[in-house]
Amino acid sequence: QKIVKRELDRYGMKLETADDGLSGLRKAEITKYDIIITDYEMPNMDGYEFLKRVRQLKGYKYTPVIILSSREYEDNKEKWEELNIADYLSKPFDVNLMVQSVEKIVKFI
């Protein structure tokens, strides 16, 4: 969380963080975000359940999502494709790749 925030701050991108899926969901209910970056493994609610719930919120059906995970994409490919994610980065991930992914997405918003 700190690494992602630090790197995006360097590029002038505003980032809000949440300590777990439940608090992230509460923030998404209050504020509309342009992009969501979420971990798969979080306390209280995993990233898949978090994203399923976020997709049901008004204005979030097509919001770009980047998943960060220590699990291989292929292990959960069907789940993620069903939720229409923009990118999937396996941990440990290259921070520069994450920034490039965000920049690519921002160009299309």
C-alpha atoms as a PDB file:
ATOM      1  CA  GLN A   1       0.000   0.000   0.000  1.00  0.00           C
ATOM      2  CA  LYS A   2       2.739   2.454   0.931  1.00  0.00           C
ATOM      3  CA  ILE A   3       4.833   1.631  -2.149  1.00  0.00           C
ATOM      4  CA  VAL A   4       1.881   2.048  -4.506  1.00  0.00           C
ATOM      5  CA  LYS A   5       0.902   5.344  -2.877  1.00  0.00           C
ATOM      6  CA  ARG A   6       4.455   6.699  -2.938  1.00  0.00           C
ATOM      7  CA  GLU A   7       4.950   5.839  -6.601  1.00  0.00           C
ATOM      8  CA  LEU A   8       1.636   7.256  -7.774  1.00  0.00           C
ATOM      9  CA  ASP A   9       2.227  10.411  -5.710  1.00  0.00           C
ATOM     10  CA  ARG A  10       5.496  10.869  -7.622  1.00  0.00           C
ATOM     11  CA  TYR A  11       3.469  11.015 -10.826  1.00  0.00           C
ATOM     12  CA  GLY A  12       0.963  13.474  -9.418  1.00  0.00           C
ATOM     13  CA  MET A  13      -1.824  10.939  -9.069  1.00  0.00           C
ATOM     14  CA  LYS A  14      -4.072  11.166  -6.027  1.00  0.00           C
ATOM     15  CA  LEU A  15      -4.526   7.892  -4.186  1.00  0.00           C
ATOM     16  CA  GLU A  16      -6.724   6.983  -1.257  1.00  0.00           C
ATOM     17  CA  THR A  17      -6.089   3.784   0.637  1.00  0.00           C
ATOM     18  CA  ALA A  18      -8.155   1.397   2.705  1.00  0.00           C
ATOM     19  CA  ASP A  19      -6.906  -1.128   5.230  1.00  0.00           C
ATOM     20  CA  ASP A  20      -9.289  -3.873   4.156  1.00  0.00           C
ATOM     21  CA  GLY A  21     -12.040  -4.732   1.682  1.00  0.00           C
ATOM     22  CA  LEU A  22     -14.863  -3.577   3.921  1.00  0.00           C
ATOM     23  CA  SER A  23     -13.432  -0.101   4.481  1.00  0.00           C
ATOM     24  CA  GLY A  24     -12.609   0.120   0.757  1.00  0.00           C
ATOM     25  CA  LEU A  25     -16.206  -0.681  -0.060  1.00  0.00           C
ATOM     26  CA  ARG A  26     -17.441   1.979   2.352  1.00  0.00           C
ATOM     27  CA  LYS A  27     -15.180   4.560   0.699  1.00  0.00           C
ATOM     28  CA  ALA A  28     -16.450   3.578  -2.761  1.00  0.00           C
ATOM     29  CA  GLU A  29     -20.035   4.057  -1.579  1.00  0.00           C
ATOM     30  CA  ILE A  30     -19.225   7.667  -0.648  1.00  0.00           C
ATOM     31  CA  THR A  31     -16.707   8.720  -3.298  1.00  0.00           C
ATOM     32  CA  LYS A  32     -16.561   7.878  -7.018  1.00  0.00           C
ATOM     33  CA  TYR A  33     -13.036   6.810  -7.998  1.00  0.00           C
ATOM     34  CA  ASP A  34     -11.639   6.783 -11.540  1.00  0.00           C
ATOM     35  CA  ILE A  35      -9.556   3.630 -11.017  1.00  0.00           C
ATOM     36  CA  ILE A  36      -9.491   0.970  -8.329  1.00  0.00           C
ATOM     37  CA  ILE A  37      -6.304  -0.865  -7.395  1.00  0.00           C
ATOM     38  CA  THR A  38      -6.994  -3.744  -5.055  1.00  0.00           C
ATOM     39  CA  ASP A  39      -5.173  -6.670  -3.570  1.00  0.00           C
ATOM     40  CA  TYR A  40      -6.693 -10.105  -3.861  1.00  0.00           C
ATOM     41  CA  GLU A  41      -5.905 -11.098  -0.285  1.00  0.00           C
ATOM     42  CA  MET A  42      -7.310  -8.608   2.229  1.00  0.00           C
ATOM     43  CA  PRO A  43      -8.789  -8.837   5.714  1.00  0.00           C
ATOM     44  CA  ASN A  44     -12.596  -9.004   6.127  1.00  0.00           C
ATOM     45  CA  MET A  45     -13.287  -9.506   2.423  1.00  0.00           C
ATOM     46  CA  ASP A  46     -11.078 -10.796  -0.398  1.00  0.00           C
ATOM     47  CA  GLY A  47     -10.520  -8.755  -3.545  1.00  0.00           C
ATOM     48  CA  TYR A  48     -12.940 -10.843  -5.576  1.00  0.00           C
ATOM     49  CA  GLU A  49     -15.842 -10.283  -3.147  1.00  0.00           C
ATOM     50  CA  PHE A  50     -14.847  -6.612  -2.806  1.00  0.00           C
ATOM     51  CA  LEU A  51     -14.925  -6.120  -6.556  1.00  0.00           C
ATOM     52  CA  LYS A  52     -18.220  -8.007  -6.960  1.00  0.00           C
ATOM     53  CA  ARG A  53     -19.796  -5.601  -4.482  1.00  0.00           C
ATOM     54  CA  VAL A  54     -18.160  -2.520  -5.994  1.00  0.00           C
ATOM     55  CA  ARG A  55     -19.482  -3.479  -9.441  1.00  0.00           C
ATOM     56  CA  GLN A  56     -23.000  -3.310  -7.986  1.00  0.00           C
ATOM     57  CA  LEU A  57     -22.540   0.287  -6.811  1.00  0.00           C
ATOM     58  CA  LYS A  58     -23.903   3.094  -8.964  1.00  0.00           C
ATOM     59  CA  GLY A  59     -21.249   4.330 -11.407  1.00  0.00           C
ATOM     60  CA  TYR A  60     -18.817   1.444 -10.921  1.00  0.00           C
ATOM     61  CA  LYS A  61     -19.944  -1.052 -13.534  1.00  0.00           C
ATOM     62  CA  TYR A  62     -17.111  -0.105 -15.921  1.00  0.00           C
ATOM     63  CA  THR A  63     -14.565   1.486 -13.568  1.00  0.00           C
ATOM     64  CA  PRO A  64     -11.092   0.182 -14.469  1.00  0.00           C
ATOM     65  CA  VAL A  65      -9.630  -2.161 -11.855  1.00  0.00           C
ATOM     66  CA  ILE A  66      -6.066  -3.351 -11.349  1.00  0.00           C
ATOM     67  CA  ILE A  67      -5.632  -6.469  -9.230  1.00  0.00           C
ATOM     68  CA  LEU A  68      -2.430  -7.035  -7.252  1.00  0.00           C
ATOM     69  CA  SER A  69      -1.979 -10.621  -6.136  1.00  0.00           C
ATOM     70  CA  SER A  70       0.527 -13.241  -5.106  1.00  0.00           C
ATOM     71  CA  ARG A  71      -1.762 -15.782  -6.810  1.00  0.00           C
ATOM     72  CA  GLU A  72      -1.315 -16.572 -10.459  1.00  0.00           C
ATOM     73  CA  TYR A  73      -3.848 -15.004 -12.805  1.00  0.00           C
ATOM     74  CA  GLU A  74      -4.550 -18.339 -14.465  1.00  0.00           C
ATOM     75  CA  ASP A  75      -5.674 -19.792 -11.117  1.00  0.00           C
ATOM     76  CA  ASN A  76      -8.551 -17.292 -10.982  1.00  0.00           C
ATOM     77  CA  LYS A  77      -8.909 -16.302 -14.635  1.00  0.00           C
ATOM     78  CA  GLU A  78     -12.645 -17.026 -14.943  1.00  0.00           C
ATOM     79  CA  LYS A  79     -13.490 -15.095 -11.765  1.00  0.00           C
ATOM     80  CA  TRP A  80     -11.569 -12.022 -12.861  1.00  0.00           C
ATOM     81  CA  GLU A  81     -12.829 -12.029 -16.432  1.00  0.00           C
ATOM     82  CA  GLU A  82     -16.381 -12.136 -15.133  1.00  0.00           C
ATOM     83  CA  LEU A  83     -15.657  -8.907 -13.235  1.00  0.00           C
ATOM     84  CA  ASN A  84     -14.021  -7.167 -16.213  1.00  0.00           C
ATOM     85  CA  ILE A  85     -10.655  -6.156 -14.774  1.00  0.00           C
ATOM     86  CA  ALA A  86      -8.281  -3.877 -16.666  1.00  0.00           C
ATOM     87  CA  ASP A  87      -5.013  -5.439 -15.470  1.00  0.00           C
ATOM     88  CA  TYR A  88      -3.621  -8.093 -13.149  1.00  0.00           C
ATOM     89  CA  LEU A  89      -0.152  -7.762 -11.612  1.00  0.00           C
ATOM     90  CA  SER A  90       1.417 -10.694  -9.812  1.00  0.00           C
ATOM     91  CA  LYS A  91       3.350 -10.024  -6.619  1.00  0.00           C
ATOM     92  CA  PRO A  92       6.073  -9.197  -6.279  1.00  0.00           C
ATOM     93  CA  PHE A  93       5.300  -6.696  -9.016  1.00  0.00           C
ATOM     94  CA  ASP A  94       7.463  -4.115 -10.699  1.00  0.00           C
ATOM     95  CA  VAL A  95       6.240  -0.711  -9.506  1.00  0.00           C
ATOM     96  CA  ASN A  96       7.093   0.797 -12.889  1.00  0.00           C
ATOM     97  CA  LEU A  97       4.761  -1.715 -14.582  1.00  0.00           C
ATOM     98  CA  MET A  98       1.993  -0.733 -12.183  1.00  0.00           C
ATOM     99  CA  VAL A  99       2.518   2.960 -12.960  1.00  0.00           C
ATOM    100  CA  GLN A 100       2.525   2.182 -16.703  1.00  0.00           C
ATOM    101  CA  SER A 101      -0.719   0.257 -16.308  1.00  0.00           C
ATOM    102  CA  VAL A 102      -2.346   3.191 -14.482  1.00  0.00           C
ATOM    103  CA  GLU A 103      -1.079   5.644 -17.105  1.00  0.00           C
ATOM    104  CA  LYS A 104      -2.512   3.490 -19.918  1.00  0.00           C
ATOM    105  CA  ILE A 105      -5.882   3.370 -18.191  1.00  0.00           C
ATOM    106  CA  VAL A 106      -5.915   7.110 -17.455  1.00  0.00           C
ATOM    107  CA  LYS A 107      -5.473   7.848 -21.162  1.00  0.00           C
ATOM    108  CA  PHE A 108      -8.784   6.119 -21.888  1.00  0.00           C
ATOM    109  CA  ILE A 109     -10.839   7.674 -19.082  1.00  0.00           C
END
